[in-house]
Amino acid sequence: MPKPYNRIKRIEEELAHNTTSFLHKEASEDIGLINCTHVKLTPDLSSALLYISVYPPVKKNVAINDLLAPYLYDLKRFLVERVPMRKIPKISFALDEGEAEAEKINKIIDSL
């Protein structure tokens, strides 16, 4: 039996991979080690929420959208060349807090 075709999942993975590649080349000098951990696309492919992980962690009062706004236009141009889509979705960023939470848990475990 053939695998089910999941176009949205495949495009999410492509966007995450190519965004990480772009951020490593363009933004890592200014911000630090930065990765796109995963992407959530709307079913109509019009909007994408990119979850970004930054090390060293950014302060809570710094908005990740403001931090990455100068790179947005160049990121879209980069994605147009590499992601097989007619139109690149509207991009917004969210800070992925998974690693910070894992670090808190590790500190608690170490203190036991």
PDB file of N, CA and C in Angstrom:
ATOM      1  N   MET A   1       0.847  -1.178   0.000  1.00  0.00           N
ATOM      2  CA  MET A   1       0.000   0.000   0.000  1.00  0.00           C
ATOM      3  C   MET A   1       0.895   1.245   0.000  1.00  0.00           C
ATOM      4  N   PRO A   2       0.647   2.199  -0.896  1.00  0.00           N
ATOM      5  CA  PRO A   2       1.489   3.398  -0.967  1.00  0.00           C
ATOM      6  C   PRO A   2       1.283   4.314   0.242  1.00  0.00           C
ATOM      7  N   LYS A   3       2.332   5.068   0.532  1.00  0.00           N
ATOM      8  CA  LYS A   3       2.248   6.022   1.633  1.00  0.00           C
ATOM      9  C   LYS A   3       1.294   7.156   1.271  1.00  0.00           C
ATOM     10  N   PRO A   4       0.580   7.701   2.248  1.00  0.00           N
ATOM     11  CA  PRO A   4      -0.287   8.847   1.948  1.00  0.00           C
ATOM     12  C   PRO A   4       0.565  10.065   1.620  1.00  0.00           C
ATOM     13  N   TYR A   5       0.131  10.817   0.650  1.00  0.00           N
ATOM     14  CA  TYR A   5       0.845  12.003   0.194  1.00  0.00           C
ATOM     15  C   TYR A   5       0.468  13.181   1.088  1.00  0.00           C
ATOM     16  N   ASN A   6       1.451  13.756   1.763  1.00  0.00           N
ATOM     17  CA  ASN A   6       1.180  14.863   2.658  1.00  0.00           C
ATOM     18  C   ASN A   6       2.008  16.060   2.219  1.00  0.00           C
ATOM     19  N   ARG A   7       1.452  16.850   1.333  1.00  0.00           N
ATOM     20  CA  ARG A   7       2.161  17.981   0.741  1.00  0.00           C
ATOM     21  C   ARG A   7       2.509  19.034   1.773  1.00  0.00           C
ATOM     22  N   ILE A   8       1.593  19.331   2.676  1.00  0.00           N
ATOM     23  CA  ILE A   8       1.828  20.376   3.678  1.00  0.00           C
ATOM     24  C   ILE A   8       3.012  20.003   4.554  1.00  0.00           C
ATOM     25  N   LYS A   9       3.086  18.767   5.008  1.00  0.00           N
ATOM     26  CA  LYS A   9       4.192  18.327   5.854  1.00  0.00           C
ATOM     27  C   LYS A   9       5.525  18.441   5.119  1.00  0.00           C
ATOM     28  N   ARG A  10       5.538  18.045   3.848  1.00  0.00           N
ATOM     29  CA  ARG A  10       6.758  18.118   3.052  1.00  0.00           C
ATOM     30  C   ARG A  10       7.208  19.571   2.870  1.00  0.00           C
ATOM     31  N   ILE A  11       6.280  20.465   2.611  1.00  0.00           N
ATOM     32  CA  ILE A  11       6.625  21.882   2.438  1.00  0.00           C
ATOM     33  C   ILE A  11       7.092  22.485   3.760  1.00  0.00           C
ATOM     34  N   GLU A  12       6.465  22.098   4.872  1.00  0.00           N
ATOM     35  CA  GLU A  12       6.918  22.573   6.188  1.00  0.00           C
ATOM     36  C   GLU A  12       8.380  22.183   6.430  1.00  0.00           C
ATOM     37  N   GLU A  13       8.723  20.954   6.101  1.00  0.00           N
ATOM     38  CA  GLU A  13      10.095  20.493   6.283  1.00  0.00           C
ATOM     39  C   GLU A  13      11.064  21.246   5.379  1.00  0.00           C
ATOM     40  N   GLU A  14      10.658  21.489   4.134  1.00  0.00           N
ATOM     41  CA  GLU A  14      11.497  22.248   3.204  1.00  0.00           C
ATOM     42  C   GLU A  14      11.705  23.682   3.703  1.00  0.00           C
ATOM     43  N   LEU A  15      10.634  24.308   4.177  1.00  0.00           N
ATOM     44  CA  LEU A  15      10.748  25.669   4.698  1.00  0.00           C
ATOM     45  C   LEU A  15      11.673  25.722   5.911  1.00  0.00           C
ATOM     46  N   ALA A  16      11.542  24.764   6.819  1.00  0.00           N
ATOM     47  CA  ALA A  16      12.383  24.738   8.015  1.00  0.00           C
ATOM     48  C   ALA A  16      13.845  24.541   7.645  1.00  0.00           C
ATOM     49  N   HIS A  17      14.115  23.597   6.766  1.00  0.00           N
ATOM     50  CA  HIS A  17      15.495  23.315   6.370  1.00  0.00           C
ATOM     51  C   HIS A  17      16.134  24.524   5.679  1.00  0.00           C
ATOM     52  N   ASN A  18      15.428  25.105   4.718  1.00  0.00           N
ATOM     53  CA  ASN A  18      15.981  26.229   3.969  1.00  0.00           C
ATOM     54  C   ASN A  18      16.070  27.498   4.805  1.00  0.00           C
ATOM     55  N   THR A  19      15.150  27.690   5.735  1.00  0.00           N
ATOM     56  CA  THR A  19      15.227  28.848   6.629  1.00  0.00           C
ATOM     57  C   THR A  19      16.442  28.728   7.534  1.00  0.00           C
ATOM     58  N   THR A  20      16.689  27.532   8.064  1.00  0.00           N
ATOM     59  CA  THR A  20      17.870  27.323   8.902  1.00  0.00           C
ATOM     60  C   THR A  20      19.137  27.593   8.104  1.00  0.00           C
ATOM     61  N   SER A  21      19.181  27.114   6.877  1.00  0.00           N
ATOM     62  CA  SER A  21      20.341  27.341   6.025  1.00  0.00           C
ATOM     63  C   SER A  21      20.566  28.840   5.808  1.00  0.00           C
ATOM     64  N   PHE A  22      19.505  29.567   5.515  1.00  0.00           N
ATOM     65  CA  PHE A  22      19.611  31.013   5.312  1.00  0.00           C
ATOM     66  C   PHE A  22      20.071  31.723   6.578  1.00  0.00           C
ATOM     67  N   LEU A  23      19.464  31.386   7.713  1.00  0.00           N
ATOM     68  CA  LEU A  23      19.803  32.070   8.963  1.00  0.00           C
ATOM     69  C   LEU A  23      21.242  31.797   9.384  1.00  0.00           C
ATOM     70  N   HIS A  24      21.752  30.610   9.099  1.00  0.00           N
ATOM     71  CA  HIS A  24      23.148  30.316   9.422  1.00  0.00           C
ATOM     72  C   HIS A  24      24.085  31.200   8.609  1.00  0.00           C
ATOM     73  N   LYS A  25      23.724  31.451   7.353  1.00  0.00           N
ATOM     74  CA  LYS A  25      24.571  32.272   6.486  1.00  0.00           C
ATOM     75  C   LYS A  25      24.452  33.760   6.800  1.00  0.00           C
ATOM     76  N   GLU A  26      23.244  34.225   7.061  1.00  0.00           N
ATOM     77  CA  GLU A  26      22.999  35.665   7.135  1.00  0.00           C
ATOM     78  C   GLU A  26      22.896  36.237   8.548  1.00  0.00           C
ATOM     79  N   ALA A  27      22.241  35.553   9.457  1.00  0.00           N
ATOM     80  CA  ALA A  27      21.899  36.159  10.746  1.00  0.00           C
ATOM     81  C   ALA A  27      22.715  35.665  11.918  1.00  0.00           C
ATOM     82  N   SER A  28      23.454  34.590  11.757  1.00  0.00           N
ATOM     83  CA  SER A  28      24.120  34.007  12.922  1.00  0.00           C
ATOM     84  C   SER A  28      25.212  34.900  13.500  1.00  0.00           C
ATOM     85  N   GLU A  29      25.846  35.735  12.682  1.00  0.00           N
ATOM     86  CA  GLU A  29      26.883  36.631  13.190  1.00  0.00           C
ATOM     87  C   GLU A  29      26.308  37.665  14.151  1.00  0.00           C
ATOM     88  N   ASP A  30      25.139  38.176  13.843  1.00  0.00           N
ATOM     89  CA  ASP A  30      24.527  39.235  14.642  1.00  0.00           C
ATOM     90  C   ASP A  30      23.773  38.715  15.860  1.00  0.00           C
ATOM     91  N   ILE A  31      23.178  37.537  15.743  1.00  0.00           N
ATOM     92  CA  ILE A  31      22.259  37.055  16.779  1.00  0.00           C
ATOM     93  C   ILE A  31      22.864  35.944  17.625  1.00  0.00           C
ATOM     94  N   GLY A  32      23.595  35.048  17.039  1.00  0.00           N
ATOM     95  CA  GLY A  32      24.121  33.872  17.721  1.00  0.00           C
ATOM     96  C   GLY A  32      23.726  32.635  16.938  1.00  0.00           C
ATOM     97  N   LEU A  33      23.814  31.482  17.548  1.00  0.00           N
ATOM     98  CA  LEU A  33      23.407  30.241  16.894  1.00  0.00           C
ATOM     99  C   LEU A  33      21.886  30.241  16.777  1.00  0.00           C
ATOM    100  N   ILE A  34      21.395  30.176  15.547  1.00  0.00           N
ATOM    101  CA  ILE A  34      19.961  30.324  15.309  1.00  0.00           C
ATOM    102  C   ILE A  34      19.495  29.227  14.361  1.00  0.00           C
ATOM    103  N   ASN A  35      18.373  28.598  14.698  1.00  0.00           N
ATOM    104  CA  ASN A  35      17.806  27.507  13.904  1.00  0.00           C
ATOM    105  C   ASN A  35      16.302  27.665  13.799  1.00  0.00           C
ATOM    106  N   CYS A  36      15.758  27.143  12.711  1.00  0.00           N
ATOM    107  CA  CYS A  36      14.313  27.015  12.578  1.00  0.00           C
ATOM    108  C   CYS A  36      13.984  25.585  12.964  1.00  0.00           C
ATOM    109  N   THR A  37      13.315  25.405  14.106  1.00  0.00           N
ATOM    110  CA  THR A  37      13.062  24.064  14.612  1.00  0.00           C
ATOM    111  C   THR A  37      11.908  23.372  13.896  1.00  0.00           C
ATOM    112  N   HIS A  38      10.845  24.100  13.629  1.00  0.00           N
ATOM    113  CA  HIS A  38       9.740  23.544  12.851  1.00  0.00           C
ATOM    114  C   HIS A  38       8.858  24.672  12.330  1.00  0.00           C
ATOM    115  N   VAL A  39       7.947  24.294  11.433  1.00  0.00           N
ATOM    116  CA  VAL A  39       7.087  25.262  10.743  1.00  0.00           C
ATOM    117  C   VAL A  39       5.653  24.765  10.816  1.00  0.00           C
ATOM    118  N   LYS A  40       4.729  25.683  10.991  1.00  0.00           N
ATOM    119  CA  LYS A  40       3.294  25.373  10.913  1.00  0.00           C
ATOM    120  C   LYS A  40       2.688  26.184   9.766  1.00  0.00           C
ATOM    121  N   LEU A  41       2.174  25.482   8.778  1.00  0.00           N
ATOM    122  CA  LEU A  41       1.531  26.113   7.628  1.00  0.00           C
ATOM    123  C   LEU A  41       0.020  26.047   7.773  1.00  0.00           C
ATOM    124  N   THR A  42      -0.663  27.062   7.286  1.00  0.00           N
ATOM    125  CA  THR A  42      -2.116  26.995   7.229  1.00  0.00           C
ATOM    126  C   THR A  42      -2.505  26.047   6.099  1.00  0.00           C
ATOM    127  N   PRO A  43      -3.683  25.437   6.160  1.00  0.00           N
ATOM    128  CA  PRO A  43      -4.084  24.487   5.114  1.00  0.00           C
ATOM    129  C   PRO A  43      -4.123  25.074   3.699  1.00  0.00           C
ATOM    130  N   ASP A  44      -4.364  26.383   3.587  1.00  0.00           N
ATOM    131  CA  ASP A  44      -4.383  27.001   2.262  1.00  0.00           C
ATOM    132  C   ASP A  44      -3.009  27.513   1.821  1.00  0.00           C
ATOM    133  N   LEU A  45      -1.974  27.255   2.622  1.00  0.00           N
ATOM    134  CA  LEU A  45      -0.581  27.616   2.335  1.00  0.00           C
ATOM    135  C   LEU A  45      -0.346  29.119   2.230  1.00  0.00           C
ATOM    136  N   SER A  46      -1.201  29.915   2.846  1.00  0.00           N
ATOM    137  CA  SER A  46      -1.045  31.371   2.743  1.00  0.00           C
ATOM    138  C   SER A  46      -0.196  31.960   3.860  1.00  0.00           C
ATOM    139  N   SER A  47      -0.084  31.270   4.991  1.00  0.00           N
ATOM    140  CA  SER A  47       0.685  31.780   6.130  1.00  0.00           C
ATOM    141  C   SER A  47       1.525  30.670   6.734  1.00  0.00           C
ATOM    142  N   ALA A  48       2.702  31.069   7.203  1.00  0.00           N
ATOM    143  CA  ALA A  48       3.604  30.109   7.843  1.00  0.00           C
ATOM    144  C   ALA A  48       4.133  30.715   9.135  1.00  0.00           C
ATOM    145  N   LEU A  49       4.089  29.930  10.200  1.00  0.00           N
ATOM    146  CA  LEU A  49       4.665  30.328  11.478  1.00  0.00           C
ATOM    147  C   LEU A  49       5.939  29.514  11.658  1.00  0.00           C
ATOM    148  N   LEU A  50       7.084  30.215  11.706  1.00  0.00           N
ATOM    149  CA  LEU A  50       8.377  29.567  11.822  1.00  0.00           C
ATOM    150  C   LEU A  50       8.837  29.664  13.267  1.00  0.00           C
ATOM    151  N   TYR A  51       9.073  28.511  13.891  1.00  0.00           N
ATOM    152  CA  TYR A  51       9.549  28.465  15.270  1.00  0.00           C
ATOM    153  C   TYR A  51      11.068  28.523  15.260  1.00  0.00           C
ATOM    154  N   ILE A  52      11.610  29.517  15.954  1.00  0.00           N
ATOM    155  CA  ILE A  52      13.031  29.804  15.925  1.00  0.00           C
ATOM    156  C   ILE A  52      13.650  29.535  17.293  1.00  0.00           C
ATOM    157  N   SER A  53      14.791  28.854  17.271  1.00  0.00           N
ATOM    158  CA  SER A  53      15.559  28.584  18.474  1.00  0.00           C
ATOM    159  C   SER A  53      16.842  29.406  18.392  1.00  0.00           C
ATOM    160  N   VAL A  54      17.186  30.112  19.474  1.00  0.00           N
ATOM    161  CA  VAL A  54      18.353  30.980  19.487  1.00  0.00           C
ATOM    162  C   VAL A  54      19.234  30.614  20.677  1.00  0.00           C
ATOM    163  N   TYR A  55      20.548  30.502  20.416  1.00  0.00           N
ATOM    164  CA  TYR A  55      21.501  30.288  21.502  1.00  0.00           C
ATOM    165  C   TYR A  55      22.655  31.258  21.321  1.00  0.00           C
ATOM    166  N   PRO A  56      23.009  32.061  22.274  1.00  0.00           N
ATOM    167  CA  PRO A  56      22.471  32.122  23.627  1.00  0.00           C
ATOM    168  C   PRO A  56      21.048  32.661  23.605  1.00  0.00           C
ATOM    169  N   PRO A  57      20.232  32.229  24.557  1.00  0.00           N
ATOM    170  CA  PRO A  57      18.817  32.623  24.553  1.00  0.00           C
ATOM    171  C   PRO A  57      18.645  34.138  24.577  1.00  0.00           C
ATOM    172  N   VAL A  58      17.647  34.596  23.834  1.00  0.00           N
ATOM    173  CA  VAL A  58      17.333  36.025  23.827  1.00  0.00           C
ATOM    174  C   VAL A  58      16.515  36.357  25.065  1.00  0.00           C
ATOM    175  N   LYS A  59      16.538  37.618  25.447  1.00  0.00           N
ATOM    176  CA  LYS A  59      15.771  38.053  26.620  1.00  0.00           C
ATOM    177  C   LYS A  59      14.281  37.949  26.334  1.00  0.00           C
ATOM    178  N   LYS A  60      13.512  37.756  27.374  1.00  0.00           N
ATOM    179  CA  LYS A  60      12.060  37.581  27.231  1.00  0.00           C
ATOM    180  C   LYS A  60      11.387  38.791  26.592  1.00  0.00           C
ATOM    181  N   ASN A  61      11.909  40.009  26.843  1.00  0.00           N
ATOM    182  CA  ASN A  61      11.238  41.198  26.330  1.00  0.00           C
ATOM    183  C   ASN A  61      11.609  41.520  24.876  1.00  0.00           C
ATOM    184  N   VAL A  62      12.517  40.749  24.272  1.00  0.00           N
ATOM    185  CA  VAL A  62      12.901  40.960  22.877  1.00  0.00           C
ATOM    186  C   VAL A  62      11.992  40.092  21.998  1.00  0.00           C
ATOM    187  N   ALA A  63      11.294  40.717  21.093  1.00  0.00           N
ATOM    188  CA  ALA A  63      10.403  39.978  20.198  1.00  0.00           C
ATOM    189  C   ALA A  63      11.216  39.393  19.054  1.00  0.00           C
ATOM    190  N   ILE A  64      11.023  38.118  18.793  1.00  0.00           N
ATOM    191  CA  ILE A  64      11.778  37.447  17.737  1.00  0.00           C
ATOM    192  C   ILE A  64      11.432  38.029  16.370  1.00  0.00           C
ATOM    193  N   ASN A  65      10.190  38.496  16.178  1.00  0.00           N
ATOM    194  CA  ASN A  65       9.815  39.139  14.913  1.00  0.00           C
ATOM    195  C   ASN A  65      10.634  40.393  14.678  1.00  0.00           C
ATOM    196  N   ASP A  66      10.855  41.191  15.729  1.00  0.00           N
ATOM    197  CA  ASP A  66      11.655  42.405  15.588  1.00  0.00           C
ATOM    198  C   ASP A  66      13.118  42.071  15.324  1.00  0.00           C
ATOM    199  N   LEU A  67      13.587  41.004  15.926  1.00  0.00           N
ATOM    200  CA  LEU A  67      14.984  40.595  15.772  1.00  0.00           C
ATOM    201  C   LEU A  67      15.277  40.130  14.342  1.00  0.00           C
ATOM    202  N   LEU A  68      14.315  39.452  13.726  1.00  0.00           N
ATOM    203  CA  LEU A  68      14.524  38.891  12.389  1.00  0.00           C
ATOM    204  C   LEU A  68      13.905  39.718  11.263  1.00  0.00           C
ATOM    205  N   ALA A  69      13.237  40.810  11.584  1.00  0.00           N
ATOM    206  CA  ALA A  69      12.593  41.647  10.567  1.00  0.00           C
ATOM    207  C   ALA A  69      13.558  42.133   9.479  1.00  0.00           C
ATOM    208  N   PRO A  70      14.791  42.527   9.813  1.00  0.00           N
ATOM    209  CA  PRO A  70      15.696  42.979   8.747  1.00  0.00           C
ATOM    210  C   PRO A  70      16.050  41.909   7.719  1.00  0.00           C
ATOM    211  N   TYR A  71      15.856  40.654   8.057  1.00  0.00           N
ATOM    212  CA  TYR A  71      16.216  39.548   7.169  1.00  0.00           C
ATOM    213  C   TYR A  71      15.032  38.987   6.394  1.00  0.00           C
ATOM    214  N   LEU A  72      13.831  39.465   6.647  1.00  0.00           N
ATOM    215  CA  LEU A  72      12.621  38.858   6.092  1.00  0.00           C
ATOM    216  C   LEU A  72      12.576  38.920   4.568  1.00  0.00           C
ATOM    217  N   TYR A  73      12.871  40.064   3.989  1.00  0.00           N
ATOM    218  CA  TYR A  73      12.822  40.203   2.528  1.00  0.00           C
ATOM    219  C   TYR A  73      13.822  39.259   1.857  1.00  0.00           C
ATOM    220  N   ASP A  74      15.050  39.226   2.366  1.00  0.00           N
ATOM    221  CA  ASP A  74      16.067  38.347   1.796  1.00  0.00           C
ATOM    222  C   ASP A  74      15.720  36.876   2.008  1.00  0.00           C
ATOM    223  N   LEU A  75      15.106  36.552   3.136  1.00  0.00           N
ATOM    224  CA  LEU A  75      14.671  35.179   3.389  1.00  0.00           C
ATOM    225  C   LEU A  75      13.637  34.749   2.360  1.00  0.00           C
ATOM    226  N   LYS A  76      12.668  35.606   2.077  1.00  0.00           N
ATOM    227  CA  LYS A  76      11.644  35.259   1.084  1.00  0.00           C
ATOM    228  C   LYS A  76      12.264  35.040  -0.291  1.00  0.00           C
ATOM    229  N   ARG A  77      13.199  35.879  -0.683  1.00  0.00           N
ATOM    230  CA  ARG A  77      13.877  35.707  -1.971  1.00  0.00           C
ATOM    231  C   ARG A  77      14.657  34.391  -2.001  1.00  0.00           C
ATOM    232  N   PHE A  78      15.289  34.049  -0.884  1.00  0.00           N
ATOM    233  CA  PHE A  78      16.038  32.800  -0.765  1.00  0.00           C
ATOM    234  C   PHE A  78      15.089  31.603  -0.912  1.00  0.00           C
ATOM    235  N   LEU A  79      13.932  31.677  -0.261  1.00  0.00           N
ATOM    236  CA  LEU A  79      12.968  30.570  -0.303  1.00  0.00           C
ATOM    237  C   LEU A  79      12.331  30.403  -1.674  1.00  0.00           C
ATOM    238  N   VAL A  80      12.111  31.507  -2.396  1.00  0.00           N
ATOM    239  CA  VAL A  80      11.519  31.436  -3.734  1.00  0.00           C
ATOM    240  C   VAL A  80      12.369  30.561  -4.645  1.00  0.00           C
ATOM    241  N   GLU A  81      13.690  30.664  -4.493  1.00  0.00           N
ATOM    242  CA  GLU A  81      14.597  29.907  -5.349  1.00  0.00           C
ATOM    243  C   GLU A  81      14.678  28.427  -4.968  1.00  0.00           C
ATOM    244  N   ARG A  82      14.316  28.079  -3.724  1.00  0.00           N
ATOM    245  CA  ARG A  82      14.586  26.727  -3.249  1.00  0.00           C
ATOM    246  C   ARG A  82      13.371  25.888  -2.886  1.00  0.00           C
ATOM    247  N   VAL A  83      12.234  26.509  -2.624  1.00  0.00           N
ATOM    248  CA  VAL A  83      11.041  25.760  -2.205  1.00  0.00           C
ATOM    249  C   VAL A  83      10.059  25.709  -3.373  1.00  0.00           C
ATOM    250  N   PRO A  84       9.600  24.506  -3.737  1.00  0.00           N
ATOM    251  CA  PRO A  84       8.717  24.367  -4.899  1.00  0.00           C
ATOM    252  C   PRO A  84       7.287  24.822  -4.612  1.00  0.00           C
ATOM    253  N   MET A  85       7.086  26.125  -4.612  1.00  0.00           N
ATOM    254  CA  MET A  85       5.752  26.703  -4.397  1.00  0.00           C
ATOM    255  C   MET A  85       5.553  27.837  -5.390  1.00  0.00           C
ATOM    256  N   ARG A  86       4.312  28.075  -5.756  1.00  0.00           N
ATOM    257  CA  ARG A  86       4.028  29.212  -6.633  1.00  0.00           C
ATOM    258  C   ARG A  86       4.211  30.526  -5.902  1.00  0.00           C
ATOM    259  N   LYS A  87       3.753  30.551  -4.658  1.00  0.00           N
ATOM    260  CA  LYS A  87       3.812  31.764  -3.872  1.00  0.00           C
ATOM    261  C   LYS A  87       4.307  31.404  -2.467  1.00  0.00           C
ATOM    262  N   ILE A  88       5.288  32.148  -1.997  1.00  0.00           N
ATOM    263  CA  ILE A  88       5.798  31.925  -0.647  1.00  0.00           C
ATOM    264  C   ILE A  88       4.778  32.483   0.340  1.00  0.00           C
ATOM    265  N   PRO A  89       4.449  31.744   1.388  1.00  0.00           N
ATOM    266  CA  PRO A  89       3.432  32.212   2.345  1.00  0.00           C
ATOM    267  C   PRO A  89       3.910  33.417   3.155  1.00  0.00           C
ATOM    268  N   LYS A  90       2.961  34.098   3.757  1.00  0.00           N
ATOM    269  CA  LYS A  90       3.277  35.187   4.675  1.00  0.00           C
ATOM    270  C   LYS A  90       3.993  34.565   5.875  1.00  0.00           C
ATOM    271  N   ILE A  91       5.155  35.103   6.211  1.00  0.00           N
ATOM    272  CA  ILE A  91       5.987  34.505   7.241  1.00  0.00           C
ATOM    273  C   ILE A  91       5.927  35.313   8.526  1.00  0.00           C
ATOM    274  N   SER A  92       5.750  34.604   9.623  1.00  0.00           N
ATOM    275  CA  SER A  92       5.899  35.209  10.947  1.00  0.00           C
ATOM    276  C   SER A  92       6.728  34.248  11.791  1.00  0.00           C
ATOM    277  N   PHE A  93       7.365  34.803  12.814  1.00  0.00           N
ATOM    278  CA  PHE A  93       8.280  34.029  13.636  1.00  0.00           C
ATOM    279  C   PHE A  93       7.742  33.892  15.050  1.00  0.00           C
ATOM    280  N   ALA A  94       8.092  32.792  15.685  1.00  0.00           N
ATOM    281  CA  ALA A  94       7.776  32.566  17.095  1.00  0.00           C
ATOM    282  C   ALA A  94       9.008  31.957  17.740  1.00  0.00           C
ATOM    283  N   LEU A  95       9.258  32.329  18.965  1.00  0.00           N
ATOM    284  CA  LEU A  95      10.400  31.797  19.689  1.00  0.00           C
ATOM    285  C   LEU A  95      10.062  30.410  20.197  1.00  0.00           C
ATOM    286  N   ASP A  96      10.888  29.437  19.849  1.00  0.00           N
ATOM    287  CA  ASP A  96      10.691  28.064  20.314  1.00  0.00           C
ATOM    288  C   ASP A  96      11.300  27.954  21.702  1.00  0.00           C
ATOM    289  N   GLU A  97      10.463  27.764  22.692  1.00  0.00           N
ATOM    290  CA  GLU A  97      10.912  27.749  24.078  1.00  0.00           C
ATOM    291  C   GLU A  97      11.174  26.340  24.587  1.00  0.00           C
ATOM    292  N   GLY A  98      11.181  25.367  23.714  1.00  0.00           N
ATOM    293  CA  GLY A  98      11.390  23.981  24.115  1.00  0.00           C
ATOM    294  C   GLY A  98      12.743  23.742  24.749  1.00  0.00           C
ATOM    295  N   GLU A  99      13.789  24.335  24.198  1.00  0.00           N
ATOM    296  CA  GLU A  99      15.128  24.130  24.743  1.00  0.00           C
ATOM    297  C   GLU A  99      15.290  24.815  26.097  1.00  0.00           C
ATOM    298  N   ALA A 100      14.692  25.976  26.268  1.00  0.00           N
ATOM    299  CA  ALA A 100      14.774  26.661  27.560  1.00  0.00           C
ATOM    300  C   ALA A 100      14.067  25.847  28.638  1.00  0.00           C
ATOM    301  N   GLU A 101      12.935  25.267  28.288  1.00  0.00           N
ATOM    302  CA  GLU A 101      12.208  24.425  29.243  1.00  0.00           C
ATOM    303  C   GLU A 101      13.010  23.172  29.576  1.00  0.00           C
ATOM    304  N   ALA A 102      13.668  22.587  28.580  1.00  0.00           N
ATOM    305  CA  ALA A 102      14.489  21.393  28.822  1.00  0.00           C
ATOM    306  C   ALA A 102      15.663  21.731  29.738  1.00  0.00           C
ATOM    307  N   GLU A 103      16.235  22.906  29.551  1.00  0.00           N
ATOM    308  CA  GLU A 103      17.345  23.323  30.409  1.00  0.00           C
ATOM    309  C   GLU A 103      16.887  23.499  31.855  1.00  0.00           C
ATOM    310  N   LYS A 104      15.701  24.067  32.054  1.00  0.00           N
ATOM    311  CA  LYS A 104      15.151  24.209  33.409  1.00  0.00           C
ATOM    312  C   LYS A 104      14.967  22.841  34.066  1.00  0.00           C
ATOM    313  N   ILE A 105      14.428  21.896  33.313  1.00  0.00           N
ATOM    314  CA  ILE A 105      14.194  20.550  33.841  1.00  0.00           C
ATOM    315  C   ILE A 105      15.522  19.883  34.193  1.00  0.00           C
ATOM    316  N   ASN A 106      16.528  20.048  33.328  1.00  0.00           N
ATOM    317  CA  ASN A 106      17.853  19.469  33.618  1.00  0.00           C
ATOM    318  C   ASN A 106      18.454  20.046  34.895  1.00  0.00           C
ATOM    319  N   LYS A 107      18.279  21.343  35.114  1.00  0.00           N
ATOM    320  CA  LYS A 107      18.798  21.962  36.344  1.00  0.00           C
ATOM    321  C   LYS A 107      18.095  21.404  37.582  1.00  0.00           C
ATOM    322  N   ILE A 108      16.793  21.195  37.467  1.00  0.00           N
ATOM    323  CA  ILE A 108      16.043  20.630  38.589  1.00  0.00           C
ATOM    324  C   ILE A 108      16.508  19.212  38.877  1.00  0.00           C
ATOM    325  N   ILE A 109      16.707  18.422  37.843  1.00  0.00           N
ATOM    326  CA  ILE A 109      17.159  17.045  38.013  1.00  0.00           C
ATOM    327  C   ILE A 109      18.559  17.022  38.616  1.00  0.00           C
ATOM    328  N   ASP A 110      19.432  17.894  38.162  1.00  0.00           N
ATOM    329  CA  ASP A 110      20.799  17.948  38.692  1.00  0.00           C
ATOM    330  C   ASP A 110      20.841  18.340  40.165  1.00  0.00           C
ATOM    331  N   SER A 111      19.864  19.147  40.581  1.00  0.00           N
ATOM    332  CA  SER A 111      19.856  19.602  41.982  1.00  0.00           C
ATOM    333  C   SER A 111      19.330  18.538  42.934  1.00  0.00           C
ATOM    334  N   LEU A 112      18.743  17.473  42.439  1.00  0.00           N
ATOM    335  CA  LEU A 112      18.204  16.415  43.306  1.00  0.00           C
ATOM    336  C   LEU A 112      19.268  15.548  43.892  1.00  0.00           C
TER     337      LEU A 112
END
